[in-house]
Structure formats: structure tokens, C-alpha cells
Amino acid sequence: MKKTLQQNGFTLIELLAVAAVIAAAALASTALMLRNQSKTRLLQAAQEIALTAKAARIQAVQSGQPCRLTLDRENKKVSMLPSESQENPSASAPIKTVQLPSSVSFEQILILSDEPTDALEIEFQPNGSAKTAVIQLSDGKNQAAVTIHQITGRVKVTSGELTTLLLDRVDLDEEQSAVQ
């Protein structure tokens, strides 16, 4: 009688094949995570700016005094300031400041105003209105925009590149897709 040897366990080739499949899956998921992390950082910065703009609007309505949102391209900052007082215009300390991540920058800032100005400033009025503005952010690959509507002061975050923007039109039937 012959005894047959039973094989217990796996061969080295089988173990190496499984390890290779696991390594490939880990590499693919890491690459996907890094790509999404950059976009998430950009959208988070856009939402922070939108929340600061909404806070400026609420501050103006509640206090009965204008509240300003200033944009600093050089330092990559957005600050919420009370309106300048007549007695001491430079005494306004920021109520809130948003610092953009190092990978995110202002790509384009458009503020519609009746009078020409170089100031990157959006002023919210006590009635809730503001200057129409578009703040386009970019991380080099992705874009996001924060839009502020003149009449209502409504703030909206849009992901992706803005190719066409009709600033003078309002769609009252549009769904409320703004960041709440």
C-alpha cells in the first residue's frame, strides 16, 4: 500500500499572487484618495468663504450696519469686517478670517460695482443685499466658485470651471442648491 501525501496550506506562488493583487489594489486606492483630497480641500475652502459671506450678511441684517467681506489675493485671505466708521476708518478689526490652504488660490475675482474701484471688497447692507460677486478658486487642476447675488445676498458654491455666468439674471424657480 502506498501512502499519498496530503498538501496542507498554500504554495509560495499562490501566496505571492495574492500579495501582488492586494498591493495593486492598495496602490490604486491611494492614487484615487490623493486626487480626491485635493478637490476636497478646494471645495472646503469655497464653502468656508461662502459661510463667511453668509455670516457677514447676517451680521449686517442683525446689527443694522453694513458689513464688509475683503479679499486679499497676496495673503490668500478672506476677512469679515464691520463697516468703517466715520471717526476711525482703520480701527476695524476682523470679525472672522478665512485662510486659504497653500494649494488653493484665487483664480479670478469679479465684483460688479456702480463706481469703478480696485478694492476687493463686498459690502453687505442691512437689508441683506450686496454687490454681485464671483470668487473663482483653483488648486491647479480643479475649480470652484462662490457667487453672491446682488438683490438677495444669496451665496452659492459651484464646483467646476465657470465658463458662462449671467450675473444680471435671476431664476426664481431655481432649486435651493446653495450651501446651507
Protein backbone atom coordinates (compact mmCIF):
# COMPACT_ATOMS: atom_id res chain seq x y z
CA MET A 1 0.00 0.00 0.00
CA LYS A 2 1.14 3.40 -0.93
CA LYS A 3 0.54 6.40 1.20
CA THR A 4 -0.32 9.64 -0.57
CA LEU A 5 0.90 12.88 0.85
CA GLN A 6 -1.80 15.41 1.51
CA GLN A 7 -0.98 19.01 0.89
CA ASN A 8 -1.79 21.32 3.78
CA GLY A 9 -1.61 25.07 3.12
CA PHE A 10 -0.76 27.14 0.07
CA THR A 11 2.18 27.15 -2.26
CA LEU A 12 4.61 30.04 -2.40
CA ILE A 13 3.38 31.04 -5.86
CA GLU A 14 -0.22 31.26 -4.63
CA LEU A 15 0.82 33.46 -1.70
CA LEU A 16 2.83 35.77 -3.97
CA ALA A 17 -0.08 36.10 -6.40
CA VAL A 18 -2.45 37.14 -3.59
CA ALA A 19 0.11 39.63 -2.23
CA ALA A 20 0.50 41.16 -5.72
CA VAL A 21 -3.27 41.62 -6.10
CA ILE A 22 -3.52 43.27 -2.66
CA ALA A 23 -0.59 45.60 -3.46
CA ALA A 24 -2.16 46.65 -6.78
CA ALA A 25 -5.50 47.41 -5.09
CA ALA A 26 -3.77 49.45 -2.37
CA LEU A 27 -1.82 51.46 -4.94
CA ALA A 28 -4.94 52.24 -6.97
CA SER A 29 -6.93 53.34 -3.93
CA THR A 30 -4.07 55.55 -2.66
CA ALA A 31 -3.84 57.36 -6.01
CA LEU A 32 -7.60 57.92 -6.03
CA MET A 33 -7.56 59.20 -2.45
CA LEU A 34 -4.79 61.72 -3.16
CA ARG A 35 -6.64 63.07 -6.21
CA ASN A 36 -9.89 63.45 -4.26
CA GLN A 37 -8.12 65.02 -1.27
CA SER A 38 -7.01 67.99 -3.39
CA LYS A 39 -10.54 68.56 -4.70
CA THR A 40 -11.99 68.19 -1.21
CA ARG A 41 -9.59 70.83 0.12
CA LEU A 42 -10.66 73.22 -2.66
CA LEU A 43 -14.38 72.70 -2.03
CA GLN A 44 -13.86 73.07 1.71
CA ALA A 45 -12.14 76.44 1.13
CA ALA A 46 -15.01 77.57 -1.13
CA GLN A 47 -17.56 76.54 1.50
CA GLU A 48 -15.63 78.40 4.22
CA ILE A 49 -15.74 81.56 2.10
CA ALA A 50 -19.46 81.04 1.47
CA LEU A 51 -20.13 80.61 5.19
CA THR A 52 -18.15 83.78 5.95
CA ALA A 53 -20.18 85.69 3.35
CA LYS A 54 -23.41 84.39 4.88
CA ALA A 55 -22.18 85.41 8.33
CA ALA A 56 -21.40 88.91 7.00
CA ARG A 57 -24.92 89.17 5.59
CA ILE A 58 -26.46 88.03 8.90
CA GLN A 59 -24.23 90.47 10.83
CA ALA A 60 -25.36 93.37 8.60
CA VAL A 61 -29.04 92.50 8.96
CA GLN A 62 -28.91 91.94 12.73
CA SER A 63 -26.79 94.99 13.55
CA GLY A 64 -28.46 97.35 11.09
CA GLN A 65 -24.95 98.36 9.92
CA PRO A 66 -23.15 97.34 6.71
CA CYS A 67 -20.62 94.52 7.00
CA ARG A 68 -17.72 94.00 4.58
CA LEU A 69 -16.05 90.96 3.13
CA THR A 70 -12.50 91.79 1.99
CA LEU A 71 -10.43 89.56 -0.28
CA ASP A 72 -6.63 89.59 -0.05
CA ARG A 73 -5.05 87.90 -3.09
CA GLU A 74 -1.46 88.22 -1.84
CA ASN A 75 -2.03 86.61 1.56
CA LYS A 76 -4.80 84.28 0.30
CA LYS A 77 -7.25 85.50 2.95
CA VAL A 78 -10.89 86.47 3.21
CA SER A 79 -11.87 88.67 6.15
CA MET A 80 -15.23 89.74 7.52
CA LEU A 81 -15.09 93.30 8.86
CA PRO A 82 -17.63 95.71 10.30
CA SER A 83 -18.25 98.71 8.09
CA GLU A 84 -15.69 101.51 8.50
CA SER A 85 -16.78 104.13 10.98
CA GLN A 86 -16.56 107.80 10.07
CA GLU A 87 -14.45 108.63 13.16
CA ASN A 88 -11.75 105.98 12.79
CA PRO A 89 -11.80 104.07 9.47
CA SER A 90 -8.71 101.94 10.26
CA ALA A 91 -9.95 100.69 13.65
CA SER A 92 -11.98 97.85 12.16
CA ALA A 93 -10.65 94.55 13.45
CA PRO A 94 -11.68 91.42 11.51
CA ILE A 95 -14.66 89.57 12.96
CA LYS A 96 -13.66 86.40 11.10
CA THR A 97 -10.80 85.48 8.76
CA VAL A 98 -10.51 82.53 6.39
CA GLN A 99 -7.01 81.50 5.31
CA LEU A 100 -6.91 79.52 2.06
CA PRO A 101 -4.83 76.32 2.06
CA SER A 102 -1.43 76.68 0.38
CA SER A 103 -2.58 74.60 -2.61
CA VAL A 104 -5.65 76.81 -3.25
CA SER A 105 -5.56 80.29 -4.77
CA PHE A 106 -7.88 82.98 -6.09
CA GLU A 107 -8.09 82.38 -9.82
CA GLN A 108 -10.50 85.20 -10.61
CA ILE A 109 -12.45 87.75 -8.59
CA LEU A 110 -15.26 89.68 -10.19
CA ILE A 111 -17.20 92.27 -8.18
CA LEU A 112 -19.82 94.31 -10.01
CA SER A 113 -20.00 97.86 -8.74
CA ASP A 114 -21.64 101.11 -9.83
CA GLU A 115 -18.44 103.06 -9.28
CA PRO A 116 -15.03 101.87 -10.52
CA THR A 117 -12.78 100.65 -7.73
CA ASP A 118 -9.70 98.49 -7.23
CA ALA A 119 -10.82 97.35 -3.79
CA LEU A 120 -11.60 93.66 -3.50
CA GLU A 121 -14.46 94.23 -1.11
CA ILE A 122 -18.08 93.10 -0.95
CA GLU A 123 -20.33 95.11 1.32
CA PHE A 124 -23.49 93.56 2.72
CA GLN A 125 -26.23 96.08 3.50
CA PRO A 126 -28.66 95.99 6.46
CA ASN A 127 -31.45 94.97 4.06
CA GLY A 128 -29.49 91.81 3.15
CA SER A 129 -28.35 92.92 -0.30
CA ALA A 130 -24.74 93.02 -1.50
CA LYS A 131 -22.69 93.68 -4.60
CA THR A 132 -22.87 90.86 -7.13
CA ALA A 133 -19.63 88.92 -6.92
CA VAL A 134 -17.94 85.80 -8.23
CA ILE A 135 -14.92 84.39 -6.43
CA GLN A 136 -13.25 81.67 -8.53
CA LEU A 137 -10.83 79.39 -6.66
CA SER A 138 -8.39 76.87 -8.14
CA ASP A 139 -5.90 74.28 -6.97
CA GLY A 140 -4.24 73.99 -10.38
CA LYS A 141 -6.44 71.11 -11.53
CA ASN A 142 -9.91 71.78 -10.12
CA GLN A 143 -12.01 74.92 -9.84
CA ALA A 144 -14.82 76.06 -7.57
CA ALA A 145 -16.72 79.34 -7.45
CA VAL A 146 -18.56 81.28 -4.78
CA THR A 147 -21.25 83.56 -6.20
CA ILE A 148 -23.07 86.29 -4.30
CA HIS A 149 -26.29 87.70 -5.74
CA GLN A 150 -26.86 91.44 -5.53
CA ILE A 151 -30.54 91.69 -4.63
CA THR A 152 -30.90 88.83 -2.19
CA GLY A 153 -27.34 88.44 -0.93
CA ARG A 154 -27.73 84.72 -1.71
CA VAL A 155 -24.44 82.82 -1.59
CA LYS A 156 -23.85 79.72 -3.70
CA VAL A 157 -20.88 77.36 -4.17
CA THR A 158 -20.39 75.81 -7.60
CA SER A 159 -17.90 73.04 -8.30
CA GLY A 160 -16.09 73.03 -11.63
CA GLU A 161 -14.97 75.65 -14.10
CA LEU A 162 -17.25 78.59 -14.72
CA THR A 163 -17.47 79.09 -18.46
CA THR A 164 -20.56 81.28 -18.68
CA LEU A 165 -22.11 83.26 -15.90
CA LEU A 166 -25.12 85.51 -16.32
CA LEU A 167 -24.81 87.88 -13.37
CA ASP A 168 -27.77 90.07 -14.27
CA ARG A 169 -30.37 87.29 -14.39
CA VAL A 170 -32.17 85.67 -11.51
CA ASP A 171 -34.02 82.38 -11.78
CA LEU A 172 -36.59 82.48 -9.00
CA ASP A 173 -37.64 78.89 -9.75
CA GLU A 174 -34.14 77.54 -9.32
CA GLU A 175 -33.83 74.92 -6.61
CA GLN A 176 -32.06 75.99 -3.45
CA SER A 177 -28.75 74.27 -4.17
CA ALA A 178 -26.61 76.77 -2.30
CA VAL A 179 -24.50 75.55 0.60
CA GLN A 180 -26.68 75.94 3.67
